[in-house]
Amino acid sequence: MENDGVKTIQDVCQEIGNSDVYKNPDFSAGDRAINDCAEGNLEITNHPKPIEFGINHHIELTARQL
């Protein structure tokens, strides 16, 4: 039962990776982390990390749009 949260995060990363809005692992460090988590190569065990990855993605997206 201890790792239920980790598995849930991995499921969420897989869902993001399969969505139409996901760019690709090479788009940003955040996108790479999402991909790595989805594949089980990165274990996210705290709340701030997904926020950090999301912010990284959005900063990269905004920079490219500018």
PDB file of N, CA and C in Angstrom:
ATOM      1  N   MET A   1       0.806  -1.212   0.000  1.00  0.00           N
ATOM      2  CA  MET A   1       0.000   0.000   0.000  1.00  0.00           C
ATOM      3  C   MET A   1       0.845   1.272   0.000  1.00  0.00           C
ATOM      4  N   GLU A   2       2.098   1.164   0.455  1.00  0.00           N
ATOM      5  CA  GLU A   2       2.952   2.326   0.544  1.00  0.00           C
ATOM      6  C   GLU A   2       3.194   3.000  -0.791  1.00  0.00           C
ATOM      7  N   ASN A   3       3.313   2.254  -1.863  1.00  0.00           N
ATOM      8  CA  ASN A   3       3.657   2.802  -3.170  1.00  0.00           C
ATOM      9  C   ASN A   3       2.449   3.142  -4.036  1.00  0.00           C
ATOM     10  N   ASP A   4       1.263   3.136  -3.476  1.00  0.00           N
ATOM     11  CA  ASP A   4       0.074   3.467  -4.269  1.00  0.00           C
ATOM     12  C   ASP A   4       0.175   4.860  -4.873  1.00  0.00           C
ATOM     13  N   GLY A   5       0.720   5.816  -4.129  1.00  0.00           N
ATOM     14  CA  GLY A   5       0.867   7.172  -4.652  1.00  0.00           C
ATOM     15  C   GLY A   5       1.837   7.228  -5.814  1.00  0.00           C
ATOM     16  N   VAL A   6       2.926   6.484  -5.726  1.00  0.00           N
ATOM     17  CA  VAL A   6       3.909   6.442  -6.802  1.00  0.00           C
ATOM     18  C   VAL A   6       3.276   5.846  -8.051  1.00  0.00           C
ATOM     19  N   LYS A   7       2.531   4.775  -7.913  1.00  0.00           N
ATOM     20  CA  LYS A   7       1.868   4.134  -9.052  1.00  0.00           C
ATOM     21  C   LYS A   7       0.840   5.082  -9.661  1.00  0.00           C
ATOM     22  N   THR A   8       0.122   5.807  -8.831  1.00  0.00           N
ATOM     23  CA  THR A   8      -0.863   6.758  -9.332  1.00  0.00           C
ATOM     24  C   THR A   8      -0.188   7.847 -10.160  1.00  0.00           C
ATOM     25  N   ILE A   9       0.936   8.357  -9.685  1.00  0.00           N
ATOM     26  CA  ILE A   9       1.671   9.373 -10.439  1.00  0.00           C
ATOM     27  C   ILE A   9       2.143   8.804 -11.765  1.00  0.00           C
ATOM     28  N   GLN A  10       2.611   7.569 -11.770  1.00  0.00           N
ATOM     29  CA  GLN A  10       3.052   6.935 -13.011  1.00  0.00           C
ATOM     30  C   GLN A  10       1.882   6.814 -13.984  1.00  0.00           C
ATOM     31  N   ASP A  11       0.711   6.450 -13.484  1.00  0.00           N
ATOM     32  CA  ASP A  11      -0.485   6.368 -14.326  1.00  0.00           C
ATOM     33  C   ASP A  11      -0.837   7.726 -14.921  1.00  0.00           C
ATOM     34  N   VAL A  12      -0.741   8.769 -14.123  1.00  0.00           N
ATOM     35  CA  VAL A  12      -1.042  10.123 -14.601  1.00  0.00           C
ATOM     36  C   VAL A  12      -0.042  10.517 -15.692  1.00  0.00           C
ATOM     37  N   CYS A  13       1.239  10.218 -15.479  1.00  0.00           N
ATOM     38  CA  CYS A  13       2.255  10.538 -16.489  1.00  0.00           C
ATOM     39  C   CYS A  13       1.998   9.777 -17.786  1.00  0.00           C
ATOM     40  N   GLN A  14       1.563   8.533 -17.681  1.00  0.00           N
ATOM     41  CA  GLN A  14       1.227   7.763 -18.881  1.00  0.00           C
ATOM     42  C   GLN A  14       0.053   8.396 -19.611  1.00  0.00           C
ATOM     43  N   GLU A  15      -0.930   8.849 -18.859  1.00  0.00           N
ATOM     44  CA  GLU A  15      -2.094   9.494 -19.475  1.00  0.00           C
ATOM     45  C   GLU A  15      -1.691  10.791 -20.169  1.00  0.00           C
ATOM     46  N   ILE A  16      -0.832  11.569 -19.529  1.00  0.00           N
ATOM     47  CA  ILE A  16      -0.345  12.811 -20.148  1.00  0.00           C
ATOM     48  C   ILE A  16       0.425  12.481 -21.428  1.00  0.00           C
ATOM     49  N   GLY A  17       1.310  11.495 -21.366  1.00  0.00           N
ATOM     50  CA  GLY A  17       2.109  11.112 -22.521  1.00  0.00           C
ATOM     51  C   GLY A  17       1.281  10.634 -23.697  1.00  0.00           C
ATOM     52  N   ASN A  18       0.121  10.085 -23.424  1.00  0.00           N
ATOM     53  CA  ASN A  18      -0.764   9.587 -24.478  1.00  0.00           C
ATOM     54  C   ASN A  18      -1.746  10.639 -24.974  1.00  0.00           C
ATOM     55  N   SER A  19      -1.725  11.825 -24.372  1.00  0.00           N
ATOM     56  CA  SER A  19      -2.691  12.856 -24.748  1.00  0.00           C
ATOM     57  C   SER A  19      -2.250  13.616 -26.001  1.00  0.00           C
ATOM     58  N   ASP A  20      -3.181  14.282 -26.612  1.00  0.00           N
ATOM     59  CA  ASP A  20      -2.909  15.066 -27.825  1.00  0.00           C
ATOM     60  C   ASP A  20      -2.066  16.308 -27.542  1.00  0.00           C
ATOM     61  N   VAL A  21      -2.072  16.801 -26.312  1.00  0.00           N
ATOM     62  CA  VAL A  21      -1.367  18.036 -26.000  1.00  0.00           C
ATOM     63  C   VAL A  21       0.084  17.810 -25.587  1.00  0.00           C
ATOM     64  N   TYR A  22       0.448  16.568 -25.288  1.00  0.00           N
ATOM     65  CA  TYR A  22       1.833  16.268 -24.901  1.00  0.00           C
ATOM     66  C   TYR A  22       2.723  16.440 -26.121  1.00  0.00           C
ATOM     67  N   LYS A  23       3.821  17.151 -25.946  1.00  0.00           N
ATOM     68  CA  LYS A  23       4.731  17.405 -27.063  1.00  0.00           C
ATOM     69  C   LYS A  23       5.560  16.148 -27.347  1.00  0.00           C
ATOM     70  N   ASN A  24       6.688  16.013 -26.694  1.00  0.00           N
ATOM     71  CA  ASN A  24       7.553  14.840 -26.803  1.00  0.00           C
ATOM     72  C   ASN A  24       8.630  14.954 -25.741  1.00  0.00           C
ATOM     73  N   PRO A  25       9.341  13.876 -25.451  1.00  0.00           N
ATOM     74  CA  PRO A  25      10.340  13.925 -24.383  1.00  0.00           C
ATOM     75  C   PRO A  25      11.467  14.931 -24.615  1.00  0.00           C
ATOM     76  N   ASP A  26      11.705  15.307 -25.851  1.00  0.00           N
ATOM     77  CA  ASP A  26      12.785  16.240 -26.148  1.00  0.00           C
ATOM     78  C   ASP A  26      12.353  17.700 -26.109  1.00  0.00           C
ATOM     79  N   PHE A  27      11.071  17.953 -25.856  1.00  0.00           N
ATOM     80  CA  PHE A  27      10.562  19.327 -25.860  1.00  0.00           C
ATOM     81  C   PHE A  27      11.128  20.140 -24.696  1.00  0.00           C
ATOM     82  N   SER A  28      11.157  19.559 -23.519  1.00  0.00           N
ATOM     83  CA  SER A  28      11.672  20.259 -22.331  1.00  0.00           C
ATOM     84  C   SER A  28      12.091  19.233 -21.290  1.00  0.00           C
ATOM     85  N   ALA A  29      12.784  19.711 -20.276  1.00  0.00           N
ATOM     86  CA  ALA A  29      13.175  18.820 -19.178  1.00  0.00           C
ATOM     87  C   ALA A  29      11.939  18.284 -18.467  1.00  0.00           C
ATOM     88  N   GLY A  30      10.896  19.096 -18.371  1.00  0.00           N
ATOM     89  CA  GLY A  30       9.647  18.646 -17.757  1.00  0.00           C
ATOM     90  C   GLY A  30       8.995  17.531 -18.550  1.00  0.00           C
ATOM     91  N   ASP A  31       8.986  17.666 -19.868  1.00  0.00           N
ATOM     92  CA  ASP A  31       8.405  16.627 -20.726  1.00  0.00           C
ATOM     93  C   ASP A  31       9.227  15.335 -20.653  1.00  0.00           C
ATOM     94  N   ARG A  32      10.541  15.476 -20.547  1.00  0.00           N
ATOM     95  CA  ARG A  32      11.413  14.302 -20.399  1.00  0.00           C
ATOM     96  C   ARG A  32      11.079  13.586 -19.087  1.00  0.00           C
ATOM     97  N   ALA A  33      10.884  14.352 -18.018  1.00  0.00           N
ATOM     98  CA  ALA A  33      10.565  13.758 -16.720  1.00  0.00           C
ATOM     99  C   ALA A  33       9.218  13.039 -16.764  1.00  0.00           C
ATOM    100  N   ILE A  34       8.230  13.626 -17.443  1.00  0.00           N
ATOM    101  CA  ILE A  34       6.923  12.982 -17.584  1.00  0.00           C
ATOM    102  C   ILE A  34       7.085  11.649 -18.305  1.00  0.00           C
ATOM    103  N   ASN A  35       7.853  11.650 -19.376  1.00  0.00           N
ATOM    104  CA  ASN A  35       8.094  10.428 -20.128  1.00  0.00           C
ATOM    105  C   ASN A  35       8.822   9.388 -19.276  1.00  0.00           C
ATOM    106  N   ASP A  36       9.869   9.825 -18.581  1.00  0.00           N
ATOM    107  CA  ASP A  36      10.627   8.905 -17.741  1.00  0.00           C
ATOM    108  C   ASP A  36       9.760   8.312 -16.637  1.00  0.00           C
ATOM    109  N   CYS A  37       8.907   9.123 -16.054  1.00  0.00           N
ATOM    110  CA  CYS A  37       7.996   8.635 -15.024  1.00  0.00           C
ATOM    111  C   CYS A  37       7.013   7.629 -15.617  1.00  0.00           C
ATOM    112  N   ALA A  38       6.461   7.946 -16.770  1.00  0.00           N
ATOM    113  CA  ALA A  38       5.495   7.056 -17.419  1.00  0.00           C
ATOM    114  C   ALA A  38       6.106   5.696 -17.725  1.00  0.00           C
ATOM    115  N   GLU A  39       7.393   5.694 -18.065  1.00  0.00           N
ATOM    116  CA  GLU A  39       8.078   4.443 -18.389  1.00  0.00           C
ATOM    117  C   GLU A  39       8.611   3.726 -17.155  1.00  0.00           C
ATOM    118  N   GLY A  40       8.457   4.342 -15.988  1.00  0.00           N
ATOM    119  CA  GLY A  40       8.928   3.732 -14.753  1.00  0.00           C
ATOM    120  C   GLY A  40      10.406   3.956 -14.478  1.00  0.00           C
ATOM    121  N   ASN A  41      11.028   4.874 -15.215  1.00  0.00           N
ATOM    122  CA  ASN A  41      12.449   5.161 -15.031  1.00  0.00           C
ATOM    123  C   ASN A  41      12.714   6.304 -14.058  1.00  0.00           C
ATOM    124  N   LEU A  42      11.660   6.977 -13.622  1.00  0.00           N
ATOM    125  CA  LEU A  42      11.770   8.075 -12.666  1.00  0.00           C
ATOM    126  C   LEU A  42      10.636   7.927 -11.674  1.00  0.00           C
ATOM    127  N   GLU A  43      10.972   7.874 -10.409  1.00  0.00           N
ATOM    128  CA  GLU A  43       9.946   7.741  -9.371  1.00  0.00           C
ATOM    129  C   GLU A  43       9.746   9.093  -8.715  1.00  0.00           C
ATOM    130  N   ILE A  44       8.552   9.621  -8.828  1.00  0.00           N
ATOM    131  CA  ILE A  44       8.211  10.906  -8.226  1.00  0.00           C
ATOM    132  C   ILE A  44       7.540  10.612  -6.889  1.00  0.00           C
ATOM    133  N   THR A  45       8.185  11.051  -5.814  1.00  0.00           N
ATOM    134  CA  THR A  45       7.692  10.708  -4.481  1.00  0.00           C
ATOM    135  C   THR A  45       7.296  11.921  -3.650  1.00  0.00           C
ATOM    136  N   ASN A  46       7.310  13.115  -4.249  1.00  0.00           N
ATOM    137  CA  ASN A  46       6.887  14.282  -3.483  1.00  0.00           C
ATOM    138  C   ASN A  46       6.032  15.205  -4.344  1.00  0.00           C
ATOM    139  N   HIS A  47       5.293  16.042  -3.698  1.00  0.00           N
ATOM    140  CA  HIS A  47       4.331  16.917  -4.370  1.00  0.00           C
ATOM    141  C   HIS A  47       4.971  18.007  -5.232  1.00  0.00           C
ATOM    142  N   PRO A  48       6.068  18.625  -4.811  1.00  0.00           N
ATOM    143  CA  PRO A  48       6.633  19.722  -5.604  1.00  0.00           C
ATOM    144  C   PRO A  48       7.184  19.315  -6.979  1.00  0.00           C
ATOM    145  N   LYS A  49       7.641  18.091  -7.141  1.00  0.00           N
ATOM    146  CA  LYS A  49       8.266  17.691  -8.410  1.00  0.00           C
ATOM    147  C   LYS A  49       7.323  17.806  -9.607  1.00  0.00           C
ATOM    148  N   PRO A  50       6.085  17.279  -9.547  1.00  0.00           N
ATOM    149  CA  PRO A  50       5.199  17.446 -10.710  1.00  0.00           C
ATOM    150  C   PRO A  50       4.932  18.913 -11.039  1.00  0.00           C
ATOM    151  N   ILE A  51       4.866  19.745 -10.016  1.00  0.00           N
ATOM    152  CA  ILE A  51       4.664  21.182 -10.237  1.00  0.00           C
ATOM    153  C   ILE A  51       5.878  21.758 -10.962  1.00  0.00           C
ATOM    154  N   GLU A  52       7.069  21.381 -10.522  1.00  0.00           N
ATOM    155  CA  GLU A  52       8.309  21.824 -11.165  1.00  0.00           C
ATOM    156  C   GLU A  52       8.345  21.411 -12.633  1.00  0.00           C
ATOM    157  N   PHE A  53       7.962  20.177 -12.927  1.00  0.00           N
ATOM    158  CA  PHE A  53       7.969  19.689 -14.301  1.00  0.00           C
ATOM    159  C   PHE A  53       6.961  20.449 -15.160  1.00  0.00           C
ATOM    160  N   GLY A  54       5.785  20.722 -14.607  1.00  0.00           N
ATOM    161  CA  GLY A  54       4.766  21.476 -15.336  1.00  0.00           C
ATOM    162  C   GLY A  54       5.212  22.904 -15.625  1.00  0.00           C
ATOM    163  N   ILE A  55       5.814  23.530 -14.643  1.00  0.00           N
ATOM    164  CA  ILE A  55       6.309  24.897 -14.837  1.00  0.00           C
ATOM    165  C   ILE A  55       7.397  24.914 -15.902  1.00  0.00           C
ATOM    166  N   ASN A  56       8.299  23.948 -15.844  1.00  0.00           N
ATOM    167  CA  ASN A  56       9.361  23.865 -16.846  1.00  0.00           C
ATOM    168  C   ASN A  56       8.775  23.758 -18.246  1.00  0.00           C
ATOM    169  N   HIS A  57       7.777  22.906 -18.425  1.00  0.00           N
ATOM    170  CA  HIS A  57       7.126  22.746 -19.728  1.00  0.00           C
ATOM    171  C   HIS A  57       6.524  24.065 -20.194  1.00  0.00           C
ATOM    172  N   HIS A  58       5.801  24.746 -19.304  1.00  0.00           N
ATOM    173  CA  HIS A  58       5.117  25.972 -19.715  1.00  0.00           C
ATOM    174  C   HIS A  58       6.084  27.116 -19.996  1.00  0.00           C
ATOM    175  N   ILE A  59       7.176  27.186 -19.274  1.00  0.00           N
ATOM    176  CA  ILE A  59       8.188  28.213 -19.565  1.00  0.00           C
ATOM    177  C   ILE A  59       8.789  27.946 -20.953  1.00  0.00           C
ATOM    178  N   GLU A  60       9.107  26.710 -21.238  1.00  0.00           N
ATOM    179  CA  GLU A  60       9.673  26.355 -22.549  1.00  0.00           C
ATOM    180  C   GLU A  60       8.670  26.655 -23.665  1.00  0.00           C
ATOM    181  N   LEU A  61       7.422  26.317 -23.447  1.00  0.00           N
ATOM    182  CA  LEU A  61       6.383  26.570 -24.442  1.00  0.00           C
ATOM    183  C   LEU A  61       6.237  28.061 -24.705  1.00  0.00           C
ATOM    184  N   THR A  62       6.197  28.845 -23.648  1.00  0.00           N
ATOM    185  CA  THR A  62       6.060  30.302 -23.781  1.00  0.00           C
ATOM    186  C   THR A  62       7.274  30.900 -24.492  1.00  0.00           C
ATOM    187  N   ALA A  63       8.463  30.446 -24.133  1.00  0.00           N
ATOM    188  CA  ALA A  63       9.680  30.950 -24.769  1.00  0.00           C
ATOM    189  C   ALA A  63       9.678  30.668 -26.263  1.00  0.00           C
ATOM    190  N   ARG A  64       9.236  29.493 -26.637  1.00  0.00           N
ATOM    191  CA  ARG A  64       9.200  29.140 -28.068  1.00  0.00           C
ATOM    192  C   ARG A  64       8.144  29.944 -28.811  1.00  0.00           C
ATOM    193  N   GLN A  65       7.052  30.288 -28.139  1.00  0.00           N
ATOM    194  CA  GLN A  65       6.002  31.077 -28.783  1.00  0.00           C
ATOM    195  C   GLN A  65       6.450  32.524 -28.991  1.00  0.00           C
ATOM    196  N   LEU A  66       7.299  32.996 -28.117  1.00  0.00           N
ATOM    197  CA  LEU A  66       7.794  34.376 -28.236  1.00  0.00           C
ATOM    198  C   LEU A  66       8.815  34.463 -29.343  1.00  0.00           C
TER     199      LEU A  66
END
